[in-house]
Amino acid sequence: MADITVGSSNDISGFLELAVPIHCPDCGRNCNATVVSVPRFEQLRRYSPNHVAIGFRCDGCGTPLGGTIGVSKSSNSKYTFPQRTLEIRIPRHVSFDFARLPEEVQLDFREACSCFSHENWNAFAAMSRRTLQSTAQVLGSVGSNKVMNQVKELEQMGVVDETEMEILKQVVLDGHDGAHPHLPVMDEDRAEILLSLMTDVLNQLFVRKALLAEAAALRNDRKRPRRSR
């Protein structure tokens, strides 16, 4: 990949020609990200940075994204940006039918998924626990029993080892206070297991029921006799 240069005339055509393939965390599509913001020559000369931030946008939905690129001074009137040092920092995309969750559960799980997307694993665990507390408040013992049954099913299937299962139990069953300082330290693998459990539980408790209710309402509507004009 050719290096990009910016001179005293602030010609940024090299950046504007970039089309970086991405998987957008917002719209979930595979598309390109294009540059919308780069440092000016005057700023580069004043601060002489080794790396600079660049603003991108998703070509599919326009979501703003951040990136960085290395920079070196070629001469008194030119700075060079090696394309091999370009990085776009894209949060992980979590796909879920949030709209069919009760409002209080939706708010907590959206925040939990935001923590997961930005790889804040411990915050994700804490917000997952809060989501389960919201679920229990909405459904009562039914919600708590369903979560417990799902954990037991995972244990019986042997899809997680004993250490991971113990951590999962501590997060989803044993937590009880708002700050959750006692929760075990999470990592990426454990967070992915927890996310899988959370999405499955919430789908079964809320999303599938909502879809069935909508389908039933649609069938009943079709059976109603139409008034003749």
Protein backbone atom coordinates (compact mmCIF):
# COMPACT_ATOMS: atom_id res chain seq x y z
CA MET A 1 0.00 0.00 0.00
CA ALA A 2 1.30 3.41 -0.97
CA ASP A 3 2.06 6.00 1.68
CA ILE A 4 -0.16 9.07 1.95
CA THR A 5 1.38 12.53 2.10
CA VAL A 6 0.06 15.89 3.25
CA GLY A 7 1.92 19.07 2.40
CA SER A 8 1.65 22.73 3.28
CA SER A 9 -1.21 23.12 0.78
CA ASN A 10 -3.28 20.69 2.88
CA ASP A 11 -4.05 18.43 -0.08
CA ILE A 12 -5.76 15.43 1.54
CA SER A 13 -6.77 13.65 -1.67
CA GLY A 14 -4.73 10.59 -0.63
CA PHE A 15 -6.97 10.19 2.42
CA LEU A 16 -10.18 10.85 0.54
CA GLU A 17 -9.36 8.06 -1.91
CA LEU A 18 -9.20 5.50 0.91
CA ALA A 19 -12.00 2.92 1.06
CA VAL A 20 -11.41 0.67 4.06
CA PRO A 21 -13.57 -2.50 4.25
CA ILE A 22 -15.36 -2.87 7.60
CA HIS A 23 -18.17 -4.70 9.34
CA CYS A 24 -20.18 -1.82 10.75
CA PRO A 25 -21.08 -2.20 14.45
CA ASP A 26 -24.22 -0.09 13.98
CA CYS A 27 -25.92 -1.34 10.80
CA GLY A 28 -24.21 -4.75 10.81
CA ARG A 29 -23.33 -4.60 7.10
CA ASN A 30 -20.05 -5.34 5.34
CA CYS A 31 -19.17 -2.12 3.56
CA ASN A 32 -16.49 0.54 3.32
CA ALA A 33 -15.46 3.33 5.66
CA THR A 34 -14.36 6.62 4.15
CA VAL A 35 -12.34 9.43 5.70
CA VAL A 36 -14.17 12.57 6.80
CA SER A 37 -11.60 14.22 9.09
CA VAL A 38 -7.78 14.40 9.12
CA PRO A 39 -5.25 16.70 10.87
CA ARG A 40 -4.18 19.81 9.01
CA PHE A 41 -0.58 20.56 8.08
CA GLU A 42 -0.39 23.40 10.60
CA GLN A 43 -1.35 21.06 13.43
CA LEU A 44 1.17 18.44 12.32
CA ARG A 45 3.95 21.02 12.23
CA ARG A 46 3.00 22.40 15.63
CA TYR A 47 2.73 19.11 17.54
CA SER A 48 4.95 16.69 15.50
CA PRO A 49 2.95 13.60 16.58
CA ASN A 50 4.00 10.00 15.94
CA HIS A 51 0.36 8.95 15.44
CA VAL A 52 -2.79 10.93 14.64
CA ALA A 53 -6.51 10.30 14.87
CA ILE A 54 -8.65 10.13 11.75
CA GLY A 55 -12.41 10.37 11.49
CA PHE A 56 -14.26 7.84 9.32
CA ARG A 57 -17.90 7.22 8.44
CA CYS A 58 -19.65 4.00 7.50
CA ASP A 59 -20.73 4.20 3.86
CA GLY A 60 -23.76 2.09 4.68
CA CYS A 61 -25.35 4.09 7.49
CA GLY A 62 -23.10 7.08 8.18
CA THR A 63 -22.06 5.97 11.68
CA PRO A 64 -18.91 7.85 12.78
CA LEU A 65 -15.86 5.68 13.48
CA GLY A 66 -12.43 6.50 14.88
CA GLY A 67 -9.07 5.42 13.54
CA THR A 68 -5.36 6.10 13.90
CA ILE A 69 -2.39 6.18 11.55
CA GLY A 70 1.35 6.64 11.98
CA VAL A 71 2.97 9.86 10.78
CA SER A 72 6.53 10.90 9.97
CA LYS A 73 8.03 14.15 8.76
CA SER A 74 9.37 13.81 5.22
CA SER A 75 10.56 17.39 4.93
CA ASN A 76 9.78 20.85 6.26
CA SER A 77 6.79 21.01 3.94
CA LYS A 78 5.52 17.41 3.90
CA TYR A 79 4.31 14.68 6.28
CA THR A 80 4.00 10.99 5.36
CA PHE A 81 1.39 8.50 6.61
CA PRO A 82 2.22 4.81 5.98
CA GLN A 83 -1.01 2.98 5.14
CA ARG A 84 0.26 -0.17 6.86
CA THR A 85 -0.10 1.66 10.19
CA LEU A 86 -3.76 2.52 9.60
CA GLU A 87 -6.21 1.10 12.16
CA ILE A 88 -9.95 1.62 12.45
CA ARG A 89 -11.20 0.94 15.95
CA ILE A 90 -14.55 -0.73 15.44
CA PRO A 91 -16.68 -1.85 18.39
CA ARG A 92 -18.04 -5.38 18.16
CA HIS A 93 -21.52 -5.63 16.71
CA VAL A 94 -24.12 -7.33 18.90
CA SER A 95 -27.29 -8.17 17.02
CA PHE A 96 -30.46 -8.51 19.07
CA ASP A 97 -34.17 -7.70 18.82
CA PHE A 98 -34.10 -5.05 21.55
CA ALA A 99 -37.46 -3.58 20.53
CA ARG A 100 -39.35 -6.61 21.84
CA LEU A 101 -37.90 -6.38 25.34
CA PRO A 102 -39.72 -4.59 28.19
CA GLU A 103 -38.40 -1.06 28.54
CA GLU A 104 -36.46 -1.58 31.78
CA VAL A 105 -34.87 -4.80 30.52
CA GLN A 106 -34.09 -3.21 27.17
CA LEU A 107 -32.26 -0.27 28.75
CA ASP A 108 -30.06 -2.54 30.87
CA PHE A 109 -29.30 -5.03 28.10
CA ARG A 110 -28.47 -2.29 25.58
CA GLU A 111 -25.92 -0.94 28.03
CA ALA A 112 -24.58 -4.44 28.65
CA CYS A 113 -24.13 -4.98 24.91
CA SER A 114 -22.42 -1.60 24.61
CA CYS A 115 -19.93 -2.75 27.25
CA PHE A 116 -19.37 -5.98 25.32
CA SER A 117 -18.92 -4.12 22.02
CA HIS A 118 -16.16 -2.00 23.53
CA GLU A 119 -14.56 -5.04 25.20
CA ASN A 120 -15.24 -3.86 28.74
CA TRP A 121 -15.70 -7.41 29.99
CA ASN A 122 -16.18 -6.74 33.72
CA ALA A 123 -18.66 -3.95 33.05
CA PHE A 124 -20.51 -6.32 30.71
CA ALA A 125 -20.77 -8.90 33.49
CA ALA A 126 -22.12 -6.32 35.93
CA MET A 127 -24.70 -5.02 33.44
CA SER A 128 -25.69 -8.57 32.54
CA ARG A 129 -26.41 -9.19 36.20
CA ARG A 130 -28.46 -5.98 36.33
CA THR A 131 -30.36 -7.10 33.21
CA LEU A 132 -31.25 -10.35 34.97
CA GLN A 133 -32.42 -8.40 38.00
CA SER A 134 -34.66 -6.30 35.73
CA THR A 135 -35.95 -9.50 34.15
CA ALA A 136 -36.79 -10.97 37.56
CA GLN A 137 -38.63 -7.78 38.52
CA VAL A 138 -40.74 -8.00 35.35
CA LEU A 139 -41.43 -11.74 35.48
CA GLY A 140 -40.88 -12.61 39.14
CA SER A 141 -39.72 -16.13 39.99
CA VAL A 142 -40.42 -17.31 36.43
CA GLY A 143 -37.53 -15.25 35.11
CA SER A 144 -35.11 -16.36 37.82
CA ASN A 145 -36.03 -20.03 37.39
CA LYS A 146 -35.59 -19.80 33.62
CA VAL A 147 -32.08 -18.40 33.97
CA MET A 148 -31.17 -21.11 36.46
CA ASN A 149 -32.48 -23.82 34.13
CA GLN A 150 -30.44 -22.45 31.22
CA VAL A 151 -27.26 -22.53 33.30
CA LYS A 152 -27.97 -26.11 34.33
CA GLU A 153 -28.50 -27.08 30.69
CA LEU A 154 -25.12 -25.65 29.75
CA GLU A 155 -23.55 -27.60 32.58
CA GLN A 156 -25.19 -30.86 31.48
CA MET A 157 -24.18 -30.32 27.85
CA GLY A 158 -20.54 -29.88 28.87
CA VAL A 159 -20.01 -26.89 26.57
CA VAL A 160 -18.04 -25.02 29.24
CA ASP A 161 -15.40 -26.25 31.68
CA GLU A 162 -15.81 -26.29 35.45
CA THR A 163 -14.01 -22.98 36.00
CA GLU A 164 -16.13 -21.17 33.41
CA MET A 165 -19.30 -22.74 34.79
CA GLU A 166 -18.47 -21.57 38.30
CA ILE A 167 -17.86 -18.04 37.04
CA LEU A 168 -21.11 -18.11 35.07
CA LYS A 169 -23.02 -19.18 38.17
CA GLN A 170 -21.45 -16.40 40.22
CA VAL A 171 -22.37 -13.78 37.64
CA VAL A 172 -25.96 -14.78 36.87
CA LEU A 173 -27.08 -16.47 40.08
CA ASP A 174 -25.12 -15.22 43.07
CA GLY A 175 -24.91 -11.46 42.46
CA HIS A 176 -27.13 -9.32 44.63
CA ASP A 177 -25.90 -5.74 44.95
CA GLY A 178 -25.73 -2.89 42.46
CA ALA A 179 -21.98 -2.40 42.21
CA HIS A 180 -21.12 -6.14 42.04
CA PRO A 181 -17.58 -5.76 43.48
CA HIS A 182 -17.50 -9.48 44.28
CA LEU A 183 -18.01 -10.68 40.69
CA PRO A 184 -15.15 -12.73 39.17
CA VAL A 185 -12.76 -11.13 36.71
CA MET A 186 -14.02 -11.65 33.16
CA ASP A 187 -12.11 -12.16 29.91
CA GLU A 188 -13.17 -12.37 26.27
CA ASP A 189 -13.97 -16.09 26.22
CA ARG A 190 -16.05 -15.94 29.39
CA ALA A 191 -17.85 -12.82 28.19
CA GLU A 192 -18.80 -14.55 24.93
CA ILE A 193 -20.27 -17.48 26.88
CA LEU A 194 -22.21 -15.07 29.09
CA LEU A 195 -23.49 -13.14 26.04
CA SER A 196 -24.70 -16.38 24.47
CA LEU A 197 -26.57 -17.25 27.66
CA MET A 198 -28.09 -13.78 27.98
CA THR A 199 -29.35 -13.63 24.39
CA ASP A 200 -30.83 -17.12 24.62
CA VAL A 201 -32.62 -16.40 27.90
CA LEU A 202 -34.01 -13.05 26.76
CA ASN A 203 -35.12 -14.51 23.43
CA GLN A 204 -37.05 -17.25 25.17
CA LEU A 205 -38.54 -15.06 27.88
CA PHE A 206 -39.55 -12.07 25.78
CA VAL A 207 -38.77 -12.03 22.05
CA ARG A 208 -40.30 -15.34 21.02
CA LYS A 209 -43.42 -14.72 23.09
CA ALA A 210 -43.82 -11.29 21.49
CA LEU A 211 -43.42 -12.74 18.00
CA LEU A 212 -46.01 -15.45 18.71
CA ALA A 213 -48.43 -12.87 20.08
CA GLU A 214 -47.96 -10.67 16.99
CA ALA A 215 -48.52 -13.64 14.69
CA ALA A 216 -51.68 -14.61 16.57
CA ALA A 217 -53.00 -11.06 16.40
CA LEU A 218 -52.34 -10.99 12.65
CA ARG A 219 -54.22 -14.27 12.14
CA ASN A 220 -57.18 -13.02 14.16
CA ASP A 221 -57.24 -9.81 12.17
CA ARG A 222 -57.39 -11.75 8.91
CA LYS A 223 -60.31 -13.87 10.18
CA ARG A 224 -62.46 -10.85 10.98
CA PRO A 225 -65.20 -10.28 8.39
CA ARG A 226 -64.71 -7.19 6.28
CA ARG A 227 -67.54 -4.66 6.20
CA SER A 228 -69.06 -4.22 2.80
CA ARG A 229 -69.22 -0.67 1.54
